[in-house]
Amino acid sequence: MPEGPGLQEMPGNLVVAARYRPAAKEYRVGGDWYDVLALPSGRILVAVGDIAGHGIDAVTGMVVLRNAQRALAFTGHSPRQLMERLNEVTLRTGGGITATAVCALYDPDDRGLLWTSAGHLPMVLLRDGAARLLEPPQDLLLGAVPEYGYREQRIGLRPGDTLLLYTDGLIERRHAGLDEGVARLAADAERLAGHAPDTLVDSLLGTVAGDTDDDTSIVAVRVRGRPEG
């Protein structure tokens, strides 16, 4: 995974910044993934995922699931259908891997974001300087049970909105719960809401900082429409 691919301009008036920080810095690989991909339909795939565990099995699983998700996205299926198929891929990958993930499709025509989650942490929406958690359905992680039916949610985005997707390595601390970490992330993101996406993700990596030596991915997606800070 590219650790800091810089600021990307995507179709649909989107600006994207992503950062990846592997726990095993000497190898620069880990079990997290992220993806932002323009599809032939005109929609934009935005996704993050986190393989449970560490080591070569986690890295192998990450490569399989990220590539499978990319390929499945070109079929034109909805996020729910993509996640259901990715769950079957996970079950058949071997090694008993499991993963959490969030998969979203953004439609530039109506600025609608259709998304689903497999046991992943809530996305953070920054709008008008305020942070809001997009609580996911209580659906199972990937690789838990076969033929599982995931649910979708939809939200309309506005010019100036910023969406944050991340993995638990960003917020997880040994002596605090995940809810506390998510709340801390939302508060810091709200304080930094006026910054450009690349500055925002770099600042959050420096201030939120989990302490569990886990891989970390964070993606900021902004809908253009207001001057960058």
Protein backbone atom coordinates (compact mmCIF):
# COMPACT_ATOMS: atom_id res chain seq x y z
CA MET A 1 0.00 0.00 0.00
CA PRO A 2 1.31 3.50 -0.81
CA GLU A 3 2.03 5.16 2.54
CA GLY A 4 1.32 8.71 1.36
CA PRO A 5 0.24 9.01 -2.29
CA GLY A 6 -0.40 12.73 -1.97
CA LEU A 7 -3.49 14.70 -2.84
CA GLN A 8 -5.58 13.13 -5.60
CA GLU A 9 -8.23 14.81 -7.68
CA MET A 10 -10.95 12.38 -8.65
CA PRO A 11 -13.87 12.61 -11.06
CA GLY A 12 -17.06 13.88 -9.49
CA ASN A 13 -15.40 16.93 -7.98
CA LEU A 14 -13.71 14.93 -5.23
CA VAL A 15 -10.35 15.53 -3.59
CA VAL A 16 -8.79 12.60 -1.74
CA ALA A 17 -5.89 12.28 0.70
CA ALA A 18 -4.85 8.91 2.13
CA ARG A 19 -2.15 7.72 4.49
CA TYR A 20 -1.00 4.23 5.39
CA ARG A 21 1.27 3.43 8.34
CA PRO A 22 2.24 -0.25 8.68
CA ALA A 23 3.09 -1.55 12.13
CA ALA A 24 6.09 -3.46 10.74
CA LYS A 25 8.00 -0.45 9.47
CA GLU A 26 11.05 -2.48 8.46
CA TYR A 27 8.92 -4.38 5.91
CA ARG A 28 6.44 -1.62 5.09
CA VAL A 29 3.60 -4.11 4.77
CA GLY A 30 0.56 -4.86 6.89
CA GLY A 31 -2.99 -6.16 6.95
CA ASP A 32 -4.87 -2.88 6.36
CA TRP A 33 -5.98 -1.63 2.98
CA TYR A 34 -7.67 1.38 1.45
CA ASP A 35 -8.92 2.14 -2.04
CA VAL A 36 -10.35 5.06 -3.98
CA LEU A 37 -11.17 4.08 -7.54
CA ALA A 38 -13.09 5.68 -10.42
CA LEU A 39 -15.36 3.08 -12.05
CA PRO A 40 -16.65 2.88 -15.64
CA SER A 41 -20.16 3.70 -14.38
CA GLY A 42 -18.92 7.13 -13.27
CA ARG A 43 -19.24 6.23 -9.60
CA ILE A 44 -16.30 6.31 -7.19
CA LEU A 45 -15.40 3.38 -4.96
CA VAL A 46 -14.15 4.39 -1.52
CA ALA A 47 -13.15 1.63 0.87
CA VAL A 48 -10.98 0.67 3.83
CA GLY A 49 -10.42 -2.71 5.44
CA ASP A 50 -8.54 -4.35 8.26
CA ILE A 51 -7.46 -7.99 8.41
CA ALA A 52 -7.44 -9.47 11.92
CA GLY A 53 -3.99 -10.39 13.16
CA HIS A 54 -0.47 -9.74 11.92
CA GLY A 55 2.24 -11.41 9.91
CA ILE A 56 2.37 -12.98 6.48
CA ASP A 57 -1.19 -14.40 6.67
CA ALA A 58 -2.60 -10.93 7.30
CA VAL A 59 -0.58 -9.44 4.44
CA THR A 60 -1.62 -12.21 2.07
CA GLY A 61 -5.25 -11.83 3.07
CA MET A 62 -5.08 -8.07 2.55
CA VAL A 63 -3.75 -8.49 -0.99
CA VAL A 64 -6.44 -11.04 -1.86
CA LEU A 65 -9.35 -9.00 -0.47
CA ARG A 66 -8.25 -5.64 -1.88
CA ASN A 67 -7.75 -7.09 -5.35
CA ALA A 68 -11.03 -9.01 -5.14
CA GLN A 69 -12.89 -5.89 -4.06
CA ARG A 70 -11.43 -3.94 -6.98
CA ALA A 71 -12.45 -6.61 -9.46
CA LEU A 72 -15.94 -6.96 -7.99
CA ALA A 73 -16.46 -3.18 -8.11
CA PHE A 74 -16.26 -3.30 -11.91
CA THR A 75 -19.32 -5.56 -12.05
CA GLY A 76 -21.62 -2.64 -11.22
CA HIS A 77 -22.96 -4.27 -8.06
CA SER A 78 -24.13 -2.23 -5.09
CA PRO A 79 -21.98 -1.95 -1.93
CA ARG A 80 -24.17 -4.55 -0.21
CA GLN A 81 -23.64 -7.03 -3.03
CA LEU A 82 -19.92 -6.27 -3.16
CA MET A 83 -19.58 -6.98 0.56
CA GLU A 84 -21.57 -10.21 0.32
CA ARG A 85 -19.30 -11.49 -2.44
CA LEU A 86 -16.20 -10.31 -0.61
CA ASN A 87 -17.38 -12.27 2.40
CA GLU A 88 -17.47 -15.44 0.30
CA VAL A 89 -13.97 -14.68 -1.01
CA THR A 90 -12.76 -14.29 2.58
CA LEU A 91 -14.24 -17.64 3.59
CA ARG A 92 -12.47 -19.35 0.70
CA THR A 93 -9.09 -17.63 1.02
CA GLY A 94 -7.77 -20.12 3.57
CA GLY A 95 -6.08 -19.63 6.89
CA GLY A 96 -9.34 -18.73 8.62
CA ILE A 97 -8.84 -14.99 8.11
CA THR A 98 -11.44 -12.45 9.12
CA ALA A 99 -11.63 -8.74 8.40
CA THR A 100 -13.66 -5.62 8.99
CA ALA A 101 -14.35 -3.29 6.09
CA VAL A 102 -16.46 -0.41 4.87
CA CYS A 103 -17.35 -0.07 1.20
CA ALA A 104 -18.98 3.02 -0.32
CA LEU A 105 -19.97 4.13 -3.81
CA TYR A 106 -20.25 7.85 -4.52
CA ASP A 107 -22.48 8.98 -7.38
CA PRO A 108 -21.39 12.40 -8.73
CA ASP A 109 -24.74 12.93 -10.46
CA ASP A 110 -26.68 13.37 -7.22
CA ARG A 111 -23.80 13.41 -4.68
CA GLY A 112 -25.29 10.31 -3.06
CA LEU A 113 -23.09 7.98 -1.04
CA LEU A 114 -24.35 4.41 -0.76
CA TRP A 115 -22.38 2.37 1.75
CA THR A 116 -22.21 -0.78 3.82
CA SER A 117 -20.04 -1.99 6.67
CA ALA A 118 -18.74 -5.38 7.78
CA GLY A 119 -18.18 -4.80 11.48
CA HIS A 120 -16.11 -1.68 10.85
CA LEU A 121 -15.84 1.53 12.86
CA PRO A 122 -18.15 4.47 11.99
CA MET A 123 -17.08 6.91 9.32
CA VAL A 124 -16.79 10.56 10.35
CA LEU A 125 -18.60 13.24 8.33
CA LEU A 126 -17.35 16.81 8.64
CA ARG A 127 -20.02 19.30 7.59
CA ASP A 128 -20.10 23.04 8.29
CA GLY A 129 -17.28 22.66 10.80
CA ALA A 130 -19.03 19.96 12.85
CA ALA A 131 -18.21 16.24 13.09
CA ARG A 132 -20.90 13.58 12.86
CA LEU A 133 -20.48 9.83 13.21
CA LEU A 134 -22.13 7.72 10.51
CA GLU A 135 -23.04 4.72 12.61
CA PRO A 136 -22.93 1.50 10.58
CA PRO A 137 -25.49 -1.31 10.67
CA GLN A 138 -24.58 -4.00 13.19
CA ASP A 139 -23.44 -6.43 10.51
CA LEU A 140 -20.84 -9.19 10.85
CA LEU A 141 -17.20 -8.97 9.90
CA LEU A 142 -15.98 -10.67 6.74
CA GLY A 143 -15.23 -14.37 7.02
CA ALA A 144 -17.55 -15.05 9.97
CA VAL A 145 -20.42 -16.98 8.34
CA PRO A 146 -21.33 -17.91 4.76
CA GLU A 147 -24.14 -16.34 2.73
CA TYR A 148 -24.53 -13.40 5.08
CA GLY A 149 -26.79 -10.56 3.94
CA TYR A 150 -25.34 -7.08 4.49
CA ARG A 151 -27.38 -3.88 4.70
CA GLU A 152 -26.89 -0.54 2.98
CA GLN A 153 -27.31 3.04 4.01
CA ARG A 154 -27.40 6.18 1.91
CA ILE A 155 -26.46 9.77 2.66
CA GLY A 156 -26.37 12.80 0.40
CA LEU A 157 -23.11 14.73 0.46
CA ARG A 158 -22.82 18.48 -0.01
CA PRO A 159 -20.10 20.76 -1.40
CA GLY A 160 -17.55 21.25 1.36
CA ASP A 161 -18.29 17.93 3.11
CA THR A 162 -15.35 15.76 4.17
CA LEU A 163 -15.69 12.05 4.84
CA LEU A 164 -13.11 10.21 6.98
CA LEU A 165 -12.57 6.46 6.73
CA TYR A 166 -9.97 4.80 8.95
CA THR A 167 -8.87 1.59 10.64
CA ASP A 168 -8.65 0.93 14.36
CA GLY A 169 -4.88 1.37 14.52
CA LEU A 170 -5.53 5.12 14.34
CA ILE A 171 -7.58 5.27 17.54
CA GLU A 172 -7.00 2.11 19.58
CA ARG A 173 -5.24 2.51 22.93
CA ARG A 174 -4.36 -0.16 25.45
CA HIS A 175 -6.16 1.42 28.40
CA ALA A 176 -9.18 2.94 26.65
CA GLY A 177 -12.22 1.64 24.77
CA LEU A 178 -12.81 2.02 21.05
CA ASP A 179 -15.79 4.31 21.68
CA GLU A 180 -13.49 6.70 23.50
CA GLY A 181 -11.03 6.58 20.63
CA VAL A 182 -13.75 7.29 18.06
CA ALA A 183 -14.99 10.24 20.14
CA ARG A 184 -11.45 11.61 20.38
CA LEU A 185 -11.01 11.29 16.61
CA ALA A 186 -14.29 13.11 15.95
CA ALA A 187 -13.33 15.94 18.31
CA ASP A 188 -9.89 16.36 16.73
CA ALA A 189 -11.33 16.18 13.21
CA GLU A 190 -13.85 18.87 14.10
CA ARG A 191 -11.07 21.10 15.40
CA LEU A 192 -9.14 20.60 12.14
CA ALA A 193 -12.16 20.71 9.82
CA GLY A 194 -11.04 23.83 7.97
CA HIS A 195 -7.79 22.29 6.75
CA ALA A 196 -7.18 20.79 3.33
CA PRO A 197 -7.55 16.97 3.19
CA ASP A 198 -3.81 16.22 3.11
CA THR A 199 -3.14 18.51 6.07
CA LEU A 200 -6.11 17.02 7.88
CA VAL A 201 -4.94 13.39 7.62
CA ASP A 202 -1.36 14.26 8.55
CA SER A 203 -2.54 16.20 11.59
CA LEU A 204 -4.85 13.40 12.72
CA LEU A 205 -2.04 10.86 12.42
CA GLY A 206 0.00 13.08 14.71
CA THR A 207 -2.66 13.90 17.30
CA VAL A 208 -4.98 10.88 17.58
CA ALA A 209 -2.25 8.19 17.47
CA GLY A 210 -3.23 4.82 18.87
CA ASP A 211 -0.60 2.99 20.93
CA THR A 212 -1.21 -0.69 20.11
CA ASP A 213 1.41 -1.02 17.34
CA ASP A 214 -1.30 -1.84 14.82
CA ASP A 215 -1.44 -0.93 11.14
CA THR A 216 -3.20 2.33 10.38
CA SER A 217 -5.08 3.59 7.32
CA ILE A 218 -6.92 6.89 7.02
CA VAL A 219 -8.68 8.38 3.98
CA ALA A 220 -10.21 11.85 3.69
CA VAL A 221 -12.63 12.47 0.81
CA ARG A 222 -13.79 16.03 0.24
CA VAL A 223 -16.51 17.26 -2.11
CA ARG A 224 -15.20 20.42 -3.72
CA GLY A 225 -17.20 23.58 -3.38
CA ARG A 226 -15.51 25.76 -0.78
CA PRO A 227 -12.05 27.27 -0.55
CA GLU A 228 -9.44 24.98 1.02
CA GLY A 229 -8.00 25.99 4.38
